[in-house]
Structure formats: C-alpha cells, structure tokens
Amino acid sequence: MSHWQNKIIAITGGSNGLGLELATHFAAAGAQVVIIARDQERLAAVCQNSPNLHPVVADVLQTEQVAAAVESIIDQHGQIDVWINNVGKSTRAELLTTGIDAYQSMMEINFYSAVRCSTAVLPHLAKTSGSLVNIGSLAAKTAWRNMSPYSASKHALAAFNHQVRLEGPANVHCLLVCPGPIRREDAGQRYAKESSGLDATAAQPGAGVKLKGICPKKLVAKIDRSIQRRKKELVVPGHTRILFSLLQLAPSLGDWILKKSSK
C-alpha cells in the first residue's frame, strides 16, 4: 500500500505548473488531494482528471477565504495531513527604478499568502503530526540581478519557514523547497515584457542563471521523498549549497562568483 493512501493533501495554486504536477503525483499515489485556487472553471476541469482530486475555490490573499477553505477541507475530509504553500509569482525589475509597489505585490503573493495559510492550518496539522511544505526558490538563498522584489519575498518565506520549525507545533514537520528554474513550455517568453529595457539575460529562466532547467516530475519525486523522510530543506540542484555556504563565509568572493555566473 502506498504511503499516501487516503492521506489528505492540500495544495494552494495547484491548478497549473508545479502545483498541478504535485497534485496529480499525489493523487496517483492514492492521496485525496484538495486543490485550492481562484479560477473555478479551471479547477473543475483539472479535477475531472481524477476522482482523488477535489476543488476548493479560494483566494489565498484573503484571510477570510483561507479560513473558510481550511474549514471546508476539515468538514469534507476530517483532517489535513500535508499542506503545500505553492502559490507564488516571479518578476523582473531593475533595482534602482523599482518602486515600493512591486515589493508589496511580491510580498503579498509569495510571503503573506504562506503566512496566512500556515497559521490557519498548523493547528490541524498538529492533530495528524502532518507536514507543512513551503515552495521557495534558490532566490530564497541568494539575491540575483533583476529580481530584487522576488528575492526579498522568498528570503522572507525562508525566514518564516525557519521560525515555524523553531516555534511551531513540535510534531509538525516543516519543509522548505528551494528549486532553481523549472522546465516549462513558455520558458524564456514569460518575462519578455517585464524585461524590456533590461539586459538580455533578464527574460531567460532564472534571469539568466547558469543552471539547466529542472524536470518537474523529478522535482516532485524529490519533494515526495523529502516529506516522507521529514527533511527540513530540499535545495535543487544540490551543488548550489556550496555557493550559499560560501556567501556566508566569504561574502565578497560569493558576490564575485554570482556576478560571473550570469549568461
């Protein structure tokens, strides 16, 4: 029997991208997967693909809707074993010309949404000794050119994740996932408009970071194993940890390497 048989897994932003990969993976493994998203029609279409997929329409930027979503899951399924904060958005912006609104927007989507959901669901995860998963980014570990609002919001998410590990319910597992650029069909095109006026690398995946795109299915498998093993952190690719350690030990050298790493 699968480890996930009849477990209740909730995923925010699970109607496309990495969230959908996670949802279909865990549903195929026998879990009852609740997808939380705003687009009712898209949710309905996605959840038709498996009897193990269940839609809940909610905007995670709204506290009342998050509370209602959690209550709905408990009413329908009785418990929550895993909650994955997957909602997120990236952007491209030049540091000196970026206004405060861009930072506020990124913080609301990438940080406050996760805080809002986590504080609502942690008491329920404590009842199942469950797992809270926050989908971060390599940008949660280091800054990168033309991505300052995004990097700042993901750094905040990493700090919150650590805070939950220290202060959250002792029996709740908390995992931070920090992947590099994930392969997708529109890679290199998504940020063309935002990158206008910036250097040529800005529109590329990861704003030009010299890393191969990560296969989403392989990333999802790694996330699955990390939850089962109750790991604290998953960084993909793993070798980037060397640079992150160097940035702590020798910031000037680390910055020099980062600047040389742009395509």
Protein backbone atom coordinates (compact mmCIF):
# COMPACT_ATOMS: atom_id res chain seq x y z
CA MET A 1 0.00 0.00 0.00
CA SER A 2 1.25 3.48 -0.87
CA HIS A 3 2.42 5.72 1.95
CA TRP A 4 -0.08 8.30 0.67
CA GLN A 5 -3.13 6.07 0.51
CA ASN A 6 -6.12 8.09 1.81
CA LYS A 7 -3.91 10.87 3.20
CA ILE A 8 -5.40 14.35 2.82
CA ILE A 9 -3.08 16.75 0.99
CA ALA A 10 -3.96 20.39 0.30
CA ILE A 11 -2.09 22.39 -2.35
CA THR A 12 -2.51 26.10 -2.98
CA GLY A 13 -2.20 27.20 -6.60
CA GLY A 14 -2.49 23.59 -7.68
CA SER A 15 -4.37 24.12 -10.93
CA ASN A 16 -1.27 24.64 -13.10
CA GLY A 17 2.52 24.48 -13.16
CA LEU A 18 4.37 22.79 -10.30
CA GLY A 19 1.21 22.75 -8.19
CA LEU A 20 -0.61 20.65 -10.76
CA GLU A 21 2.37 18.29 -11.07
CA LEU A 22 2.27 17.83 -7.29
CA ALA A 23 -1.48 17.30 -7.28
CA THR A 24 -1.51 14.67 -10.00
CA HIS A 25 1.50 12.89 -8.48
CA PHE A 26 -0.02 12.53 -5.02
CA ALA A 27 -3.47 11.68 -6.41
CA ALA A 28 -1.92 8.86 -8.45
CA ALA A 29 -0.23 7.64 -5.25
CA GLY A 30 -3.62 7.28 -3.54
CA ALA A 31 -3.91 10.54 -1.62
CA GLN A 32 -7.05 12.65 -1.57
CA VAL A 33 -5.72 15.93 -2.95
CA VAL A 34 -7.50 19.22 -2.40
CA ILE A 35 -6.53 21.90 -4.91
CA ILE A 36 -7.07 25.47 -3.74
CA ALA A 37 -7.21 28.14 -6.43
CA ARG A 38 -9.26 31.13 -7.58
CA ASP A 39 -10.35 30.02 -11.06
CA GLN A 40 -13.44 27.88 -10.57
CA GLU A 41 -13.69 26.74 -14.19
CA ARG A 42 -10.05 25.71 -14.39
CA LEU A 43 -10.31 23.92 -11.05
CA ALA A 44 -13.33 21.97 -12.23
CA ALA A 45 -11.57 20.98 -15.46
CA VAL A 46 -8.42 19.85 -13.64
CA CYS A 47 -10.28 17.85 -11.01
CA GLN A 48 -12.20 15.92 -13.67
CA ASN A 49 -8.98 14.05 -14.41
CA SER A 50 -9.02 12.01 -11.20
CA PRO A 51 -11.54 11.04 -8.51
CA ASN A 52 -8.79 11.81 -5.99
CA LEU A 53 -8.67 15.50 -6.93
CA HIS A 54 -11.03 17.86 -5.10
CA PRO A 55 -11.52 21.59 -5.82
CA VAL A 56 -11.82 24.37 -3.27
CA VAL A 57 -12.25 27.86 -4.67
CA ALA A 58 -10.44 30.45 -2.55
CA ASP A 59 -8.10 33.41 -2.87
CA VAL A 60 -5.15 32.92 -0.53
CA LEU A 61 -4.65 36.69 -0.46
CA GLN A 62 -7.86 36.93 1.57
CA THR A 63 -7.73 35.84 5.22
CA GLU A 64 -11.44 35.02 5.44
CA GLN A 65 -11.31 32.86 2.33
CA VAL A 66 -8.31 30.93 3.64
CA ALA A 67 -10.10 30.23 6.92
CA ALA A 68 -13.19 29.10 5.01
CA ALA A 69 -11.09 26.84 2.77
CA VAL A 70 -9.45 25.13 5.75
CA GLU A 71 -12.85 24.67 7.42
CA SER A 72 -14.27 23.22 4.20
CA ILE A 73 -11.46 20.65 3.95
CA ILE A 74 -11.95 19.59 7.56
CA ASP A 75 -15.71 19.32 7.07
CA GLN A 76 -15.33 17.19 3.94
CA HIS A 77 -12.30 15.07 4.83
CA GLY A 78 -11.97 15.27 8.62
CA GLN A 79 -8.26 16.05 8.68
CA ILE A 80 -5.26 17.51 6.84
CA ASP A 81 -2.03 15.51 6.62
CA VAL A 82 0.01 17.75 4.32
CA TRP A 83 -0.40 21.39 3.35
CA ILE A 84 1.71 22.74 0.49
CA ASN A 85 2.05 26.51 0.07
CA ASN A 86 2.71 26.58 -3.65
CA VAL A 87 1.19 29.91 -4.70
CA GLY A 88 3.90 32.19 -5.98
CA LYS A 89 4.96 34.57 -8.71
CA SER A 90 8.24 35.83 -10.08
CA THR A 91 9.07 39.12 -11.75
CA ARG A 92 11.87 41.05 -13.42
CA ALA A 93 12.86 44.50 -12.20
CA GLU A 94 15.91 46.75 -12.07
CA LEU A 95 16.84 47.68 -8.51
CA LEU A 96 17.11 51.48 -8.74
CA THR A 97 13.99 52.00 -10.85
CA THR A 98 11.66 49.63 -8.99
CA GLY A 99 9.01 51.21 -6.81
CA ILE A 100 7.69 50.01 -3.47
CA ASP A 101 4.52 48.69 -5.11
CA ALA A 102 6.49 45.89 -6.78
CA TYR A 103 7.87 44.78 -3.43
CA GLN A 104 4.46 44.94 -1.77
CA SER A 105 2.94 42.83 -4.54
CA MET A 106 5.62 40.15 -4.33
CA MET A 107 5.41 40.05 -0.54
CA GLU A 108 1.64 39.63 -0.64
CA ILE A 109 1.76 36.77 -3.14
CA ASN A 110 4.93 34.94 -2.11
CA PHE A 111 5.09 35.62 1.61
CA TYR A 112 1.88 36.82 3.25
CA SER A 113 -0.18 34.15 1.47
CA ALA A 114 2.01 31.44 3.00
CA VAL A 115 1.86 33.03 6.46
CA ARG A 116 -1.91 33.35 6.18
CA CYS A 117 -2.36 29.71 5.18
CA SER A 118 0.22 28.31 7.61
CA THR A 119 -1.22 29.97 10.70
CA ALA A 120 -4.69 28.74 9.72
CA VAL A 121 -3.68 25.13 9.10
CA LEU A 122 -0.98 24.46 11.71
CA PRO A 123 -3.44 23.51 14.49
CA HIS A 124 -4.94 20.88 12.18
CA LEU A 125 -1.53 19.55 11.11
CA ALA A 126 -0.68 19.17 14.79
CA LYS A 127 -3.60 16.74 15.14
CA THR A 128 -2.16 14.47 12.43
CA SER A 129 1.57 15.05 13.04
CA GLY A 130 1.47 16.30 9.48
CA SER A 131 3.73 18.28 7.18
CA LEU A 132 3.80 21.93 6.16
CA VAL A 133 5.63 22.47 2.86
CA ASN A 134 6.68 25.91 1.60
CA ILE A 135 7.74 26.15 -2.04
CA GLY A 136 10.57 28.66 -2.08
CA SER A 137 13.30 29.13 -4.67
CA LEU A 138 17.05 29.36 -4.99
CA ALA A 139 16.22 33.06 -4.64
CA ALA A 140 15.36 32.30 -1.02
CA LYS A 141 19.06 31.59 -0.52
CA THR A 142 20.74 34.29 -2.58
CA ALA A 143 20.00 37.51 -4.43
CA TRP A 144 20.20 37.66 -8.21
CA ARG A 145 20.30 40.51 -10.68
CA ASN A 146 16.98 41.95 -11.92
CA MET A 147 14.95 40.01 -9.36
CA SER A 148 15.09 42.07 -6.18
CA PRO A 149 11.35 42.08 -5.24
CA TYR A 150 11.13 38.33 -5.85
CA SER A 151 14.32 37.54 -3.95
CA ALA A 152 13.23 39.67 -0.99
CA SER A 153 9.87 37.89 -0.77
CA LYS A 154 11.42 34.43 -0.98
CA HIS A 155 14.03 35.31 1.67
CA ALA A 156 11.12 36.31 3.91
CA LEU A 157 9.43 32.97 3.23
CA ALA A 158 12.61 31.10 4.18
CA ALA A 159 12.83 33.04 7.45
CA PHE A 160 9.19 32.29 8.26
CA ASN A 161 9.71 28.62 7.45
CA HIS A 162 12.63 28.52 9.91
CA GLN A 163 10.50 30.29 12.50
CA VAL A 164 7.83 27.61 12.18
CA ARG A 165 10.47 24.93 12.67
CA LEU A 166 11.53 26.60 15.91
CA GLU A 167 8.18 27.74 17.29
CA GLY A 168 5.53 25.68 15.55
CA PRO A 169 3.96 22.52 16.98
CA ALA A 170 6.79 20.11 17.80
CA ASN A 171 5.15 17.20 15.98
CA VAL A 172 4.60 19.10 12.72
CA HIS A 173 7.20 18.59 10.03
CA CYS A 174 8.14 21.76 8.12
CA LEU A 175 9.91 21.58 4.74
CA LEU A 176 11.32 24.42 2.64
CA VAL A 177 11.77 23.54 -1.05
CA CYS A 178 14.27 25.71 -2.96
CA PRO A 179 14.37 24.78 -6.66
CA GLY A 180 16.14 26.50 -9.49
CA PRO A 181 14.34 27.25 -12.79
CA ILE A 182 11.78 24.57 -13.65
CA ARG A 183 11.32 23.46 -17.25
CA ARG A 184 8.17 24.78 -18.87
CA GLU A 185 6.91 25.36 -22.40
CA ASP A 186 6.97 29.16 -22.17
CA ALA A 187 10.48 29.38 -20.68
CA GLY A 188 12.24 32.47 -21.98
CA GLN A 189 8.96 34.11 -23.01
CA ARG A 190 7.10 34.67 -19.72
CA TYR A 191 9.04 37.78 -18.73
CA ALA A 192 9.67 39.33 -22.14
CA LYS A 193 7.51 42.38 -21.41
CA GLU A 194 8.85 42.93 -17.88
CA SER A 195 12.40 42.58 -19.15
CA SER A 196 12.11 45.34 -21.73
CA GLY A 197 14.98 47.75 -21.16
CA LEU A 198 16.96 45.30 -19.01
CA ASP A 199 19.95 43.26 -20.14
CA ALA A 200 19.32 40.32 -22.46
CA THR A 201 19.57 37.70 -19.72
CA ALA A 202 16.67 39.07 -17.69
CA ALA A 203 13.94 37.35 -19.72
CA GLN A 204 15.64 33.96 -19.53
CA PRO A 205 14.72 31.28 -16.95
CA GLY A 206 16.08 32.31 -13.58
CA ALA A 207 17.00 35.68 -15.14
CA GLY A 208 19.95 34.02 -16.84
CA VAL A 209 21.30 31.84 -14.07
CA LYS A 210 23.66 29.18 -15.44
CA LEU A 211 21.62 26.13 -14.47
CA LYS A 212 19.79 23.52 -16.51
CA GLY A 213 16.02 23.58 -16.23
CA ILE A 214 14.72 21.14 -13.64
CA CYS A 215 12.39 18.37 -14.79
CA PRO A 216 9.12 18.99 -12.86
CA LYS A 217 8.36 15.29 -12.44
CA LYS A 218 11.80 14.63 -10.94
CA LEU A 219 11.40 17.62 -8.63
CA VAL A 220 8.01 16.36 -7.46
CA ALA A 221 9.51 12.93 -6.73
CA LYS A 222 12.20 14.61 -4.63
CA ILE A 223 9.57 16.60 -2.74
CA ASP A 224 7.61 13.39 -2.11
CA ARG A 225 10.68 11.67 -0.64
CA SER A 226 11.59 14.72 1.43
CA ILE A 227 8.13 14.80 3.01
CA GLN A 228 8.19 11.10 3.77
CA ARG A 229 11.66 11.41 5.32
CA ARG A 230 10.60 14.60 7.13
CA LYS A 231 13.56 16.55 5.82
CA LYS A 232 13.88 20.19 6.81
CA GLU A 233 15.05 21.52 3.45
CA LEU A 234 15.34 20.50 -0.19
CA VAL A 235 17.64 22.50 -2.47
CA VAL A 236 17.71 21.59 -6.17
CA PRO A 237 20.27 21.35 -7.66
CA GLY A 238 22.09 20.28 -4.51
CA HIS A 239 25.51 21.58 -5.55
CA THR A 240 24.30 25.18 -5.20
CA ARG A 241 24.56 24.70 -1.43
CA ILE A 242 28.31 25.17 -1.84
CA LEU A 243 27.81 28.70 -3.15
CA PHE A 244 25.29 29.51 -0.44
CA SER A 245 27.74 28.39 2.23
CA LEU A 246 30.49 30.44 0.60
CA LEU A 247 28.25 33.52 0.63
CA GLN A 248 28.03 33.18 4.42
CA LEU A 249 31.75 32.55 4.93
CA ALA A 250 33.19 34.95 2.34
CA PRO A 251 30.53 37.37 1.03
CA SER A 252 32.85 39.27 -1.32
CA LEU A 253 34.02 36.09 -3.03
CA GLY A 254 30.46 34.80 -3.20
CA ASP A 255 29.25 38.01 -4.83
CA TRP A 256 32.07 37.83 -7.37
CA ILE A 257 31.05 34.29 -8.31
CA LEU A 258 27.40 35.31 -8.63
CA LYS A 259 28.26 38.17 -10.97
CA LYS A 260 30.38 35.82 -13.10
CA SER A 261 27.54 33.31 -13.25
CA SER A 262 25.27 35.41 -15.45
CA LYS A 263 24.90 34.16 -19.00
